[in-house]
Amino acid sequence: MSLWGQRKGDTGPYFKVLDLQYAKLAKDPRLNALDIYMPKKGSKSPVIIWVHGGLWAFGDKSDVGVKPEYFTSKGYIFISINHRLSPDVKHPGHMQDVANALVWVYNNIVHYSGDKDKIFLMGYASGAQMSVMITVNEDYMKQADGSLDMIKGVISIDGLGFDVAKIIPDNNNKVKDWCLDTFGLTEKEWAEASPVTHIKSGMLVPPIFLAYSGSKTPTESDAVNLARKFKESDITIQIKGYPKKNSLSMHREFGRDDDPVTQDVITFLFECLKKL
């Protein structure tokens, strides 16, 4: 079967190809699969890889709302990926899946009119944490037979878990249980799974944009703490808060023309592309 043989549906503003398998590590093949949404016109399009949220334990690549329609209308290929879920898999399985998916896209996106040298990684909530994590710990990309320079920019939408040790003791609810299921029971394991642990002075990372919701929220403190760690290591990133938003509205409204987060992300992507 050709790559195009798996296309499912050409109606609407984009072409889409569903359930392409990027790896064979999951018991359920769909957990190692991705969906590709392509503009109907254009070639060598820049590529966005979307990593869903769900506290590493739930969520699905189909939960994309208007994002494919919006980004394909701007000339981007939009790819939504699944990854293995806790408690069936523990850290670092989720991270490795994201890296494996990214390398698969790099090696195959030419068949879908994409430019492998213009790949951006974008995630929401736990998906944002994973997107940052594989950027600051190159071991995942190396394990996937890739390299960090395959990523031209990272967008974190209301990420949580940049410092796992901070969120586990503060939660005595289901969130804590999910984190323990994902990362283990010891502070050593929590530190290893935290992006803040891996940021070092002199390291090279692609451009990063951190967006967080609300005021005095866990995602605000997590993002500010991460940005501070980058600054202490003389690494410049962008960070912006949206006090009128909450985590749900950040996700639900992302991809709408009137959404300020979307507009700021489009500006960030444009600035990154200008420098390539």
Protein backbone atom coordinates (compact mmCIF):
# COMPACT_ATOMS: atom_id res chain seq x y z
CA MET A 1 0.00 0.00 0.00
CA SER A 2 1.31 3.45 -0.83
CA LEU A 3 1.52 6.18 1.78
CA TRP A 4 -1.38 7.95 0.11
CA GLY A 5 -3.44 4.75 0.24
CA GLN A 6 -4.28 5.45 3.86
CA ARG A 7 -5.85 8.83 3.19
CA LYS A 8 -9.30 9.07 4.74
CA GLY A 9 -11.41 11.93 3.49
CA ASP A 10 -10.66 14.89 1.28
CA THR A 11 -13.70 16.93 2.22
CA GLY A 12 -13.28 20.23 4.03
CA PRO A 13 -10.37 22.64 3.98
CA TYR A 14 -7.58 20.06 4.25
CA PHE A 15 -6.51 16.55 3.36
CA LYS A 16 -6.10 14.16 6.27
CA VAL A 17 -4.33 10.84 6.79
CA LEU A 18 -5.25 9.02 10.00
CA ASP A 19 -3.61 6.36 12.16
CA LEU A 20 -0.17 6.20 10.60
CA GLN A 21 2.04 4.09 12.86
CA TYR A 22 5.35 5.70 13.84
CA ALA A 23 6.55 2.95 16.20
CA LYS A 24 5.62 -0.53 17.46
CA LEU A 25 6.17 -0.24 21.20
CA ALA A 26 2.54 -0.04 22.37
CA LYS A 27 0.21 -3.00 22.97
CA ASP A 28 -2.49 -0.96 21.25
CA PRO A 29 -1.03 0.14 17.88
CA ARG A 30 -3.15 3.30 17.96
CA LEU A 31 -1.09 4.59 20.90
CA ASN A 32 1.94 4.70 18.60
CA ALA A 33 0.08 6.37 15.73
CA LEU A 34 -0.38 9.89 14.39
CA ASP A 35 -2.79 11.86 12.21
CA ILE A 36 -1.64 14.23 9.46
CA TYR A 37 -3.68 17.23 8.28
CA MET A 38 -2.35 18.87 5.10
CA PRO A 39 -3.20 22.11 3.30
CA LYS A 40 -4.86 21.45 -0.05
CA LYS A 41 -2.33 23.71 -1.77
CA GLY A 42 1.39 24.14 -1.39
CA SER A 43 4.50 22.04 -1.06
CA LYS A 44 7.44 21.92 1.36
CA SER A 45 5.06 23.20 4.04
CA PRO A 46 6.28 23.87 7.58
CA VAL A 47 5.13 21.24 10.08
CA ILE A 48 3.56 21.42 13.54
CA ILE A 49 3.57 18.30 15.72
CA TRP A 50 0.86 18.48 18.41
CA VAL A 51 1.18 16.48 21.67
CA HIS A 52 -2.10 16.19 23.56
CA GLY A 53 -2.57 16.71 27.30
CA GLY A 54 -4.01 14.30 29.84
CA LEU A 55 -1.57 13.98 32.78
CA TRP A 56 0.36 11.29 30.91
CA ALA A 57 -2.55 8.90 31.62
CA PHE A 58 -5.34 9.76 29.18
CA GLY A 59 -6.15 11.91 26.16
CA ASP A 60 -6.13 11.23 22.45
CA LYS A 61 -4.77 12.64 19.20
CA SER A 62 -8.33 13.16 17.93
CA ASP A 63 -8.94 15.94 20.50
CA VAL A 64 -7.77 18.76 18.26
CA GLY A 65 -10.84 20.99 17.89
CA VAL A 66 -10.35 23.67 15.22
CA LYS A 67 -6.55 23.49 15.30
CA PRO A 68 -6.10 21.51 12.04
CA GLU A 69 -8.41 23.83 10.12
CA TYR A 70 -6.69 26.94 11.48
CA PHE A 71 -3.07 25.91 10.99
CA THR A 72 -3.58 24.31 7.56
CA SER A 73 -5.29 27.56 6.50
CA LYS A 74 -2.04 29.31 7.43
CA GLY A 75 0.01 26.92 5.28
CA TYR A 76 1.18 24.51 7.99
CA ILE A 77 0.92 20.74 8.07
CA PHE A 78 -0.66 19.87 11.43
CA ILE A 79 0.20 16.48 12.94
CA SER A 80 -1.42 15.14 16.11
CA ILE A 81 0.29 12.23 17.83
CA ASN A 82 -0.65 9.63 20.41
CA HIS A 83 1.74 8.16 22.97
CA ARG A 84 1.60 5.30 25.42
CA LEU A 85 -0.29 6.06 28.64
CA SER A 86 0.26 5.46 32.35
CA PRO A 87 -0.08 3.29 34.33
CA ASP A 88 0.70 0.81 31.52
CA VAL A 89 3.92 2.65 30.80
CA LYS A 90 6.07 4.72 33.13
CA HIS A 91 8.56 7.49 32.48
CA PRO A 92 10.49 7.69 30.17
CA GLY A 93 8.22 5.75 27.79
CA HIS A 94 5.98 8.73 27.03
CA MET A 95 8.94 10.99 26.24
CA GLN A 96 10.53 8.37 24.00
CA ASP A 97 7.29 8.05 22.04
CA VAL A 98 7.28 11.78 21.33
CA ALA A 99 10.89 11.62 20.12
CA ASN A 100 10.14 8.56 17.99
CA ALA A 101 7.16 10.30 16.41
CA LEU A 102 9.21 13.39 15.65
CA VAL A 103 11.96 11.38 13.95
CA TRP A 104 9.34 9.46 11.94
CA VAL A 105 7.90 12.78 10.77
CA TYR A 106 11.36 14.06 9.86
CA ASN A 107 12.05 10.95 7.78
CA ASN A 108 8.63 10.72 6.10
CA ILE A 109 7.02 14.15 5.85
CA VAL A 110 8.38 14.72 2.33
CA HIS A 111 5.74 12.21 1.16
CA TYR A 112 3.06 14.54 2.52
CA SER A 113 4.37 17.77 0.97
CA GLY A 114 6.15 18.81 4.17
CA ASP A 115 9.57 20.32 4.79
CA LYS A 116 11.61 18.20 7.21
CA ASP A 117 13.77 21.22 8.00
CA LYS A 118 10.81 23.22 9.32
CA ILE A 119 9.39 21.06 12.10
CA PHE A 120 7.92 22.64 15.25
CA LEU A 121 6.91 20.80 18.40
CA MET A 122 3.80 22.00 20.22
CA GLY A 123 2.10 20.52 23.27
CA TYR A 124 -0.63 21.20 25.81
CA ALA A 125 -0.43 20.47 29.57
CA SER A 126 1.48 17.17 29.96
CA GLY A 127 2.10 17.27 26.21
CA ALA A 128 3.84 20.61 26.70
CA GLN A 129 6.02 19.13 29.44
CA MET A 130 7.07 16.29 27.14
CA SER A 131 7.78 18.71 24.28
CA VAL A 132 10.13 20.73 26.48
CA MET A 133 11.66 17.61 28.02
CA ILE A 134 12.88 16.06 24.76
CA THR A 135 14.31 19.48 23.88
CA VAL A 136 16.46 19.83 27.02
CA ASN A 137 17.46 16.15 27.24
CA GLU A 138 18.81 15.07 23.87
CA ASP A 139 19.05 11.43 24.98
CA TYR A 140 15.50 10.81 23.74
CA MET A 141 16.24 12.09 20.25
CA LYS A 142 19.48 10.12 20.11
CA GLN A 143 17.65 6.96 21.19
CA ALA A 144 15.24 7.56 18.29
CA ASP A 145 18.19 7.94 15.86
CA GLY A 146 17.54 11.66 15.60
CA SER A 147 19.03 14.89 16.84
CA LEU A 148 17.88 18.08 18.50
CA ASP A 149 18.45 20.19 15.39
CA MET A 150 15.43 18.46 13.83
CA ILE A 151 13.30 20.74 16.08
CA LYS A 152 13.11 24.36 14.90
CA GLY A 153 10.92 25.65 17.73
CA VAL A 154 8.89 24.53 20.74
CA ILE A 155 5.53 25.90 21.89
CA SER A 156 4.33 25.02 25.38
CA ILE A 157 0.62 25.66 26.02
CA ASP A 158 -0.12 25.68 29.76
CA GLY A 159 2.48 23.06 30.56
CA LEU A 160 2.59 21.25 33.90
CA GLY A 161 5.37 19.09 35.30
CA PHE A 162 8.47 21.08 34.41
CA ASP A 163 9.51 20.41 38.01
CA VAL A 164 7.77 17.18 38.99
CA ALA A 165 9.02 17.37 42.58
CA LYS A 166 7.03 20.57 43.08
CA ILE A 167 3.69 19.25 41.88
CA ILE A 168 3.66 15.86 43.61
CA PRO A 169 3.94 17.01 47.27
CA ASP A 170 1.42 19.81 46.63
CA ASN A 171 -1.32 17.45 45.45
CA ASN A 172 -3.23 15.02 47.62
CA ASN A 173 -5.70 14.02 44.97
CA LYS A 174 -5.96 12.14 41.70
CA VAL A 175 -3.25 14.35 40.16
CA LYS A 176 -0.74 13.05 42.69
CA ASP A 177 -1.76 9.45 41.98
CA TRP A 178 -1.31 9.97 38.24
CA CYS A 179 2.13 11.52 38.78
CA LEU A 180 3.26 8.67 41.01
CA ASP A 181 1.98 6.15 38.44
CA THR A 182 3.93 7.97 35.76
CA PHE A 183 7.20 9.00 37.38
CA GLY A 184 7.70 6.65 40.33
CA LEU A 185 7.83 7.11 44.10
CA THR A 186 11.21 8.70 44.79
CA GLU A 187 12.51 12.25 44.60
CA LYS A 188 15.41 11.01 42.47
CA GLU A 189 12.93 9.72 39.87
CA TRP A 190 10.94 12.96 39.99
CA ALA A 191 14.09 15.03 39.42
CA GLU A 192 15.20 12.93 36.47
CA ALA A 193 11.76 13.35 34.88
CA SER A 194 11.81 17.16 35.28
CA PRO A 195 12.95 19.46 32.47
CA VAL A 196 14.42 21.93 35.02
CA THR A 197 16.97 19.29 36.05
CA HIS A 198 18.44 19.03 32.57
CA ILE A 199 18.93 22.72 31.75
CA LYS A 200 22.62 23.56 31.75
CA SER A 201 24.61 26.66 30.88
CA GLY A 202 25.94 26.56 27.33
CA MET A 203 23.44 24.02 26.02
CA LEU A 204 21.88 24.69 22.63
CA VAL A 205 18.09 24.55 22.43
CA PRO A 206 15.68 25.66 19.70
CA PRO A 207 13.52 28.76 20.28
CA ILE A 208 10.92 28.13 23.01
CA PHE A 209 7.62 29.92 23.71
CA LEU A 210 5.90 29.27 27.05
CA ALA A 211 2.23 30.28 27.40
CA TYR A 212 0.43 29.88 30.72
CA SER A 213 -3.06 30.64 31.98
CA GLY A 214 -4.46 32.53 34.94
CA SER A 215 -2.74 34.25 37.82
CA LYS A 216 -1.21 32.51 40.83
CA THR A 217 -1.95 29.17 39.17
CA PRO A 218 0.19 26.00 39.25
CA THR A 219 0.92 26.38 35.54
CA GLU A 220 2.06 29.98 36.09
CA SER A 221 4.51 29.03 38.84
CA ASP A 222 5.71 26.05 36.80
CA ALA A 223 6.32 28.16 33.68
CA VAL A 224 7.96 31.02 35.59
CA ASN A 225 10.21 28.56 37.42
CA LEU A 226 11.23 26.97 34.11
CA ALA A 227 11.91 30.36 32.51
CA ARG A 228 14.00 31.35 35.52
CA LYS A 229 16.08 28.21 35.16
CA PHE A 230 16.72 28.99 31.50
CA LYS A 231 17.68 32.59 32.37
CA GLU A 232 20.11 31.42 35.07
CA SER A 233 21.77 29.32 32.38
CA ASP A 234 21.96 32.32 30.00
CA ILE A 235 19.37 30.83 27.63
CA THR A 236 16.75 33.21 26.27
CA ILE A 237 13.19 31.97 25.82
CA GLN A 238 9.82 33.68 25.49
CA ILE A 239 7.19 33.44 28.21
CA LYS A 240 3.75 35.04 28.37
CA GLY A 241 0.79 34.77 30.72
CA TYR A 242 -2.90 35.05 29.87
CA PRO A 243 -4.61 36.01 33.15
CA LYS A 244 -8.14 35.89 31.75
CA LYS A 245 -7.77 32.27 30.69
CA ASN A 246 -7.88 28.95 32.49
CA SER A 247 -6.35 25.67 31.37
CA LEU A 248 -9.52 24.46 29.66
CA SER A 249 -10.07 27.67 27.69
CA MET A 250 -6.40 27.71 26.65
CA HIS A 251 -6.98 24.38 24.91
CA ARG A 252 -10.54 24.91 23.70
CA GLU A 253 -9.95 28.35 22.16
CA PHE A 254 -6.50 27.66 20.73
CA GLY A 255 -6.82 27.80 16.95
CA ARG A 256 -9.50 30.49 16.83
CA ASP A 257 -8.88 33.70 14.92
CA ASP A 258 -9.83 35.83 17.92
CA ASP A 259 -7.67 33.92 20.41
CA PRO A 260 -4.68 35.93 21.72
CA VAL A 261 -2.63 32.79 22.45
CA THR A 262 -3.08 31.63 18.86
CA GLN A 263 -2.04 35.01 17.49
CA ASP A 264 1.09 35.08 19.65
CA VAL A 265 2.00 31.53 18.58
CA ILE A 266 1.57 32.43 14.90
CA THR A 267 3.88 35.41 15.43
CA PHE A 268 6.43 33.18 17.18
CA LEU A 269 6.31 30.64 14.34
CA PHE A 270 6.69 33.40 11.73
CA GLU A 271 9.74 34.81 13.52
CA CYS A 272 11.31 31.34 13.74
CA LEU A 273 10.73 30.67 10.05
CA LYS A 274 12.29 34.01 9.08
CA LYS A 275 15.55 32.90 10.70
CA LEU A 276 15.75 29.54 8.93
